[in-house]
């Protein structure tokens, strides 16, 4: 005797299992999506945050704030960049301090030398005048700064000498006698 045994599940039961599998797959993909999104955000922020800090410090350096620093403990390329920016900031600060010190020394030397000294740029503006000129011209020469030389200097011989030097652009040396009327 031969016979067949057929086992089966009702179609509704198979459909229910199929639906539960799809729900499980959907939930798994949703959770995986949010996990990947979260990891992606953390990795991106770990990379972009130090670069944003370096950009901020670079902008501060461009404004002249050489005390600005950025910090990163990482040893990757971003860490190297932050350390390089910090070294640059330190070096710029040191160079600026040295320049300011030299500038102050030069200004003290120029102001305290016994001879009168006037610097005139190529446009004819007085860019620097020392204290001795105040005594020589018997005027408040502080007001002469950034003024055309021929508007404040009234001695014709001196004006001719200055014009000659400006026109020829040659070194020249000449003694000019200035007659001052005491006011």
C-alpha atoms as a PDB file:
ATOM      1  CA  UNK A   1       0.000   0.000   0.000  1.00  0.00           C
ATOM      2  CA  UNK A   2       1.308   3.140  -1.034  1.00  0.00           C
ATOM      3  CA  UNK A   3       0.195   6.384   0.291  1.00  0.00           C
ATOM      4  CA  UNK A   4       1.050   9.948   0.438  1.00  0.00           C
ATOM      5  CA  UNK A   5       1.182  12.176   3.369  1.00  0.00           C
ATOM      6  CA  UNK A   6       0.910  15.807   2.694  1.00  0.00           C
ATOM      7  CA  UNK A   7       1.736  18.231   5.416  1.00  0.00           C
ATOM      8  CA  UNK A   8       0.919  21.854   4.966  1.00  0.00           C
ATOM      9  CA  UNK A   9       0.200  25.063   6.675  1.00  0.00           C
ATOM     10  CA  UNK A  10      -2.704  27.221   6.030  1.00  0.00           C
ATOM     11  CA  UNK A  11      -1.932  30.081   3.623  1.00  0.00           C
ATOM     12  CA  UNK A  12      -2.886  32.628   6.279  1.00  0.00           C
ATOM     13  CA  UNK A  13      -0.210  31.242   8.595  1.00  0.00           C
ATOM     14  CA  UNK A  14       2.468  31.412   5.822  1.00  0.00           C
ATOM     15  CA  UNK A  15       1.410  34.976   5.011  1.00  0.00           C
ATOM     16  CA  UNK A  16       1.676  35.918   8.696  1.00  0.00           C
ATOM     17  CA  UNK A  17       5.230  34.502   8.905  1.00  0.00           C
ATOM     18  CA  UNK A  18       6.150  36.297   5.702  1.00  0.00           C
ATOM     19  CA  UNK A  19       4.789  39.574   7.130  1.00  0.00           C
ATOM     20  CA  UNK A  20       6.762  39.102  10.391  1.00  0.00           C
ATOM     21  CA  UNK A  21       9.970  38.443   8.420  1.00  0.00           C
ATOM     22  CA  UNK A  22       9.473  41.655   6.445  1.00  0.00           C
ATOM     23  CA  UNK A  23       8.792  43.624   9.639  1.00  0.00           C
ATOM     24  CA  UNK A  24      11.979  42.190  11.165  1.00  0.00           C
ATOM     25  CA  UNK A  25      13.994  43.080   8.043  1.00  0.00           C
ATOM     26  CA  UNK A  26      12.495  46.595   7.987  1.00  0.00           C
ATOM     27  CA  UNK A  27      13.254  47.181  11.678  1.00  0.00           C
ATOM     28  CA  UNK A  28      16.787  45.843  11.240  1.00  0.00           C
ATOM     29  CA  UNK A  29      17.453  48.158   8.292  1.00  0.00           C
ATOM     30  CA  UNK A  30      15.981  51.128  10.194  1.00  0.00           C
ATOM     31  CA  UNK A  31      18.160  50.472  13.245  1.00  0.00           C
ATOM     32  CA  UNK A  32      21.211  49.911  11.008  1.00  0.00           C
ATOM     33  CA  UNK A  33      20.443  53.159   9.165  1.00  0.00           C
ATOM     34  CA  UNK A  34      20.338  55.170  12.411  1.00  0.00           C
ATOM     35  CA  UNK A  35      23.483  53.481  13.736  1.00  0.00           C
ATOM     36  CA  UNK A  36      25.337  54.262  10.486  1.00  0.00           C
ATOM     37  CA  UNK A  37      23.978  57.819  10.496  1.00  0.00           C
ATOM     38  CA  UNK A  38      25.114  58.319  14.101  1.00  0.00           C
ATOM     39  CA  UNK A  39      28.589  56.902  13.408  1.00  0.00           C
ATOM     40  CA  UNK A  40      28.882  59.000  10.275  1.00  0.00           C
ATOM     41  CA  UNK A  41      27.980  62.162  12.218  1.00  0.00           C
ATOM     42  CA  UNK A  42      30.499  61.386  14.976  1.00  0.00           C
ATOM     43  CA  UNK A  43      33.305  60.650  12.523  1.00  0.00           C
ATOM     44  CA  UNK A  44      32.531  63.736  10.446  1.00  0.00           C
ATOM     45  CA  UNK A  45      32.397  65.968  13.509  1.00  0.00           C
ATOM     46  CA  UNK A  46      35.689  64.526  14.776  1.00  0.00           C
ATOM     47  CA  UNK A  47      37.277  65.533  11.479  1.00  0.00           C
ATOM     48  CA  UNK A  48      35.580  68.871  10.913  1.00  0.00           C
ATOM     49  CA  UNK A  49      35.699  70.246  14.472  1.00  0.00           C
ATOM     50  CA  UNK A  50      39.519  70.514  14.588  1.00  0.00           C
ATOM     51  CA  UNK A  51      39.579  71.985  11.095  1.00  0.00           C
ATOM     52  CA  UNK A  52      37.016  74.569  12.203  1.00  0.00           C
ATOM     53  CA  UNK A  53      39.196  75.398  15.210  1.00  0.00           C
ATOM     54  CA  UNK A  54      42.273  75.727  12.992  1.00  0.00           C
ATOM     55  CA  UNK A  55      40.338  78.031  10.665  1.00  0.00           C
ATOM     56  CA  UNK A  56      39.248  80.169  13.622  1.00  0.00           C
ATOM     57  CA  UNK A  57      42.846  80.431  14.891  1.00  0.00           C
ATOM     58  CA  UNK A  58      44.115  81.261  11.384  1.00  0.00           C
ATOM     59  CA  UNK A  59      41.572  84.084  11.179  1.00  0.00           C
ATOM     60  CA  UNK A  60      42.719  85.364  14.584  1.00  0.00           C
ATOM     61  CA  UNK A  61      46.331  85.283  13.385  1.00  0.00           C
ATOM     62  CA  UNK A  62      45.323  87.249  10.295  1.00  0.00           C
ATOM     63  CA  UNK A  63      43.802  89.882  12.617  1.00  0.00           C
ATOM     64  CA  UNK A  64      47.097  90.119  14.523  1.00  0.00           C
ATOM     65  CA  UNK A  65      46.140  88.079  17.593  1.00  0.00           C
ATOM     66  CA  UNK A  66      49.285  85.958  17.918  1.00  0.00           C
ATOM     67  CA  UNK A  67      48.179  84.527  21.277  1.00  0.00           C
ATOM     68  CA  UNK A  68      45.459  82.436  19.617  1.00  0.00           C
ATOM     69  CA  UNK A  69      46.014  78.684  19.855  1.00  0.00           C
ATOM     70  CA  UNK A  70      44.185  75.517  18.916  1.00  0.00           C
ATOM     71  CA  UNK A  71      44.435  72.122  20.591  1.00  0.00           C
ATOM     72  CA  UNK A  72      44.212  68.592  19.268  1.00  0.00           C
ATOM     73  CA  UNK A  73      45.620  65.523  20.937  1.00  0.00           C
ATOM     74  CA  UNK A  74      45.502  63.424  17.806  1.00  0.00           C
ATOM     75  CA  UNK A  75      48.647  62.372  15.983  1.00  0.00           C
ATOM     76  CA  UNK A  76      47.098  62.274  12.527  1.00  0.00           C
ATOM     77  CA  UNK A  77      47.306  64.924   9.808  1.00  0.00           C
ATOM     78  CA  UNK A  78      44.802  67.179  11.584  1.00  0.00           C
ATOM     79  CA  UNK A  79      46.907  67.022  14.764  1.00  0.00           C
ATOM     80  CA  UNK A  80      50.006  67.925  12.762  1.00  0.00           C
ATOM     81  CA  UNK A  81      48.122  70.842  11.214  1.00  0.00           C
ATOM     82  CA  UNK A  82      47.057  72.180  14.622  1.00  0.00           C
ATOM     83  CA  UNK A  83      50.593  71.894  15.974  1.00  0.00           C
ATOM     84  CA  UNK A  84      51.942  73.689  12.892  1.00  0.00           C
ATOM     85  CA  UNK A  85      49.416  76.508  13.332  1.00  0.00           C
ATOM     86  CA  UNK A  86      50.429  76.851  16.993  1.00  0.00           C
ATOM     87  CA  UNK A  87      54.125  77.007  16.067  1.00  0.00           C
ATOM     88  CA  UNK A  88      53.316  79.598  13.403  1.00  0.00           C
ATOM     89  CA  UNK A  89      51.371  81.681  15.940  1.00  0.00           C
ATOM     90  CA  UNK A  90      54.239  81.513  18.422  1.00  0.00           C
ATOM     91  CA  UNK A  91      56.839  82.486  15.798  1.00  0.00           C
ATOM     92  CA  UNK A  92      54.723  85.362  14.498  1.00  0.00           C
ATOM     93  CA  UNK A  93      54.297  86.610  18.057  1.00  0.00           C
ATOM     94  CA  UNK A  94      58.057  86.490  18.674  1.00  0.00           C
ATOM     95  CA  UNK A  95      58.840  88.252  15.389  1.00  0.00           C
ATOM     96  CA  UNK A  96      56.259  90.940  16.140  1.00  0.00           C
ATOM     97  CA  UNK A  97      57.692  91.511  19.633  1.00  0.00           C
ATOM     98  CA  UNK A  98      61.216  91.825  18.220  1.00  0.00           C
ATOM     99  CA  UNK A  99      59.999  94.221  15.530  1.00  0.00           C
ATOM    100  CA  UNK A 100      58.152  96.366  18.082  1.00  0.00           C
ATOM    101  CA  UNK A 101      61.214  96.480  20.332  1.00  0.00           C
ATOM    102  CA  UNK A 102      63.442  97.510  17.430  1.00  0.00           C
ATOM    103  CA  UNK A 103      60.867 100.077  16.338  1.00  0.00           C
ATOM    104  CA  UNK A 104      60.745 101.581  19.835  1.00  0.00           C
ATOM    105  CA  UNK A 105      64.541 101.727  20.001  1.00  0.00           C
ATOM    106  CA  UNK A 106      64.740 103.362  16.589  1.00  0.00           C
ATOM    107  CA  UNK A 107      62.094 105.932  17.523  1.00  0.00           C
ATOM    108  CA  UNK A 108      63.935 106.728  20.771  1.00  0.00           C
ATOM    109  CA  UNK A 109      67.202 107.112  18.856  1.00  0.00           C
ATOM    110  CA  UNK A 110      65.653 109.361  16.218  1.00  0.00           C
ATOM    111  CA  UNK A 111      63.832 111.523  18.779  1.00  0.00           C
ATOM    112  CA  UNK A 112      66.904 111.994  20.942  1.00  0.00           C
ATOM    113  CA  UNK A 113      69.544 112.648  18.298  1.00  0.00           C
ATOM    114  CA  UNK A 114      70.969 116.146  18.252  1.00  0.00           C
ATOM    115  CA  UNK A 115      70.270 116.847  14.575  1.00  0.00           C
ATOM    116  CA  UNK A 116      66.935 117.543  12.999  1.00  0.00           C
ATOM    117  CA  UNK A 117      65.573 114.687  10.910  1.00  0.00           C
ATOM    118  CA  UNK A 118      62.642 114.782   8.489  1.00  0.00           C
ATOM    119  CA  UNK A 119      61.524 111.800   6.386  1.00  0.00           C
ATOM    120  CA  UNK A 120      59.536 112.719   3.278  1.00  0.00           C
ATOM    121  CA  UNK A 121      57.930 110.048   1.084  1.00  0.00           C
ATOM    122  CA  UNK A 122      57.895 110.119  -2.720  1.00  0.00           C
ATOM    123  CA  UNK A 123      54.570 112.001  -2.742  1.00  0.00           C
ATOM    124  CA  UNK A 124      56.047 114.789  -0.630  1.00  0.00           C
ATOM    125  CA  UNK A 125      54.296 113.925   2.644  1.00  0.00           C
ATOM    126  CA  UNK A 126      56.279 114.209   5.857  1.00  0.00           C
ATOM    127  CA  UNK A 127      56.222 110.727   7.364  1.00  0.00           C
ATOM    128  CA  UNK A 128      58.551 111.249  10.316  1.00  0.00           C
ATOM    129  CA  UNK A 129      59.983 114.262  12.082  1.00  0.00           C
ATOM    130  CA  UNK A 130      62.063 114.193  15.220  1.00  0.00           C
ATOM    131  CA  UNK A 131      62.051 116.339  18.350  1.00  0.00           C
ATOM    132  CA  UNK A 132      65.128 118.357  17.339  1.00  0.00           C
ATOM    133  CA  UNK A 133      63.157 119.844  14.420  1.00  0.00           C
ATOM    134  CA  UNK A 134      60.755 121.418  16.896  1.00  0.00           C
ATOM    135  CA  UNK A 135      63.675 123.378  18.326  1.00  0.00           C
ATOM    136  CA  UNK A 136      65.193 124.166  14.922  1.00  0.00           C
ATOM    137  CA  UNK A 137      61.973 125.475  13.370  1.00  0.00           C
ATOM    138  CA  UNK A 138      60.610 126.842  16.662  1.00  0.00           C
ATOM    139  CA  UNK A 139      57.201 125.357  15.842  1.00  0.00           C
ATOM    140  CA  UNK A 140      54.983 122.486  16.919  1.00  0.00           C
ATOM    141  CA  UNK A 141      56.255 120.034  14.328  1.00  0.00           C
ATOM    142  CA  UNK A 142      53.963 117.262  15.637  1.00  0.00           C
ATOM    143  CA  UNK A 143      51.283 118.724  13.382  1.00  0.00           C
ATOM    144  CA  UNK A 144      53.512 118.307  10.312  1.00  0.00           C
ATOM    145  CA  UNK A 145      53.024 114.541  10.230  1.00  0.00           C
ATOM    146  CA  UNK A 146      51.348 113.394   6.952  1.00  0.00           C
ATOM    147  CA  UNK A 147      51.346 116.950   5.551  1.00  0.00           C
ATOM    148  CA  UNK A 148      53.040 118.025   2.307  1.00  0.00           C
ATOM    149  CA  UNK A 149      56.471 119.447   3.156  1.00  0.00           C
ATOM    150  CA  UNK A 150      56.000 122.709   1.221  1.00  0.00           C
ATOM    151  CA  UNK A 151      52.813 123.481   3.156  1.00  0.00           C
ATOM    152  CA  UNK A 152      54.629 123.644   6.492  1.00  0.00           C
ATOM    153  CA  UNK A 153      58.249 124.438   5.653  1.00  0.00           C
ATOM    154  CA  UNK A 154      58.554 128.092   4.621  1.00  0.00           C
ATOM    155  CA  UNK A 155      62.299 128.380   3.957  1.00  0.00           C
ATOM    156  CA  UNK A 156      62.684 128.588   0.174  1.00  0.00           C
ATOM    157  CA  UNK A 157      66.242 127.266   0.107  1.00  0.00           C
ATOM    158  CA  UNK A 158      65.244 124.178   2.053  1.00  0.00           C
ATOM    159  CA  UNK A 159      62.206 123.596  -0.211  1.00  0.00           C
ATOM    160  CA  UNK A 160      64.449 123.861  -3.309  1.00  0.00           C
ATOM    161  CA  UNK A 161      66.872 121.334  -1.831  1.00  0.00           C
ATOM    162  CA  UNK A 162      64.045 118.871  -1.020  1.00  0.00           C
ATOM    163  CA  UNK A 163      62.564 119.260  -4.524  1.00  0.00           C
ATOM    164  CA  UNK A 164      65.972 118.637  -6.075  1.00  0.00           C
ATOM    165  CA  UNK A 165      66.427 115.411  -4.122  1.00  0.00           C
ATOM    166  CA  UNK A 166      62.875 114.227  -4.912  1.00  0.00           C
ATOM    167  CA  UNK A 167      63.249 114.976  -8.641  1.00  0.00           C
ATOM    168  CA  UNK A 168      66.705 113.525  -9.170  1.00  0.00           C
ATOM    169  CA  UNK A 169      66.335 110.685  -6.670  1.00  0.00           C
ATOM    170  CA  UNK A 170      70.042 111.117  -5.988  1.00  0.00           C
ATOM    171  CA  UNK A 171      71.764 111.375  -2.647  1.00  0.00           C
ATOM    172  CA  UNK A 172      72.739 114.927  -1.945  1.00  0.00           C
ATOM    173  CA  UNK A 173      74.237 116.788   0.929  1.00  0.00           C
ATOM    174  CA  UNK A 174      73.905 120.504   1.401  1.00  0.00           C
ATOM    175  CA  UNK A 175      74.080 122.897   4.289  1.00  0.00           C
ATOM    176  CA  UNK A 176      71.071 125.187   4.461  1.00  0.00           C
ATOM    177  CA  UNK A 177      70.948 128.193   6.743  1.00  0.00           C
ATOM    178  CA  UNK A 178      67.535 128.856   8.183  1.00  0.00           C
ATOM    179  CA  UNK A 179      66.740 132.312   9.440  1.00  0.00           C
ATOM    180  CA  UNK A 180      64.068 132.085  12.057  1.00  0.00           C
ATOM    181  CA  UNK A 181      62.071 134.946  13.368  1.00  0.00           C
ATOM    182  CA  UNK A 182      61.189 134.359  16.965  1.00  0.00           C
ATOM    183  CA  UNK A 183      57.481 134.467  17.268  1.00  0.00           C
END
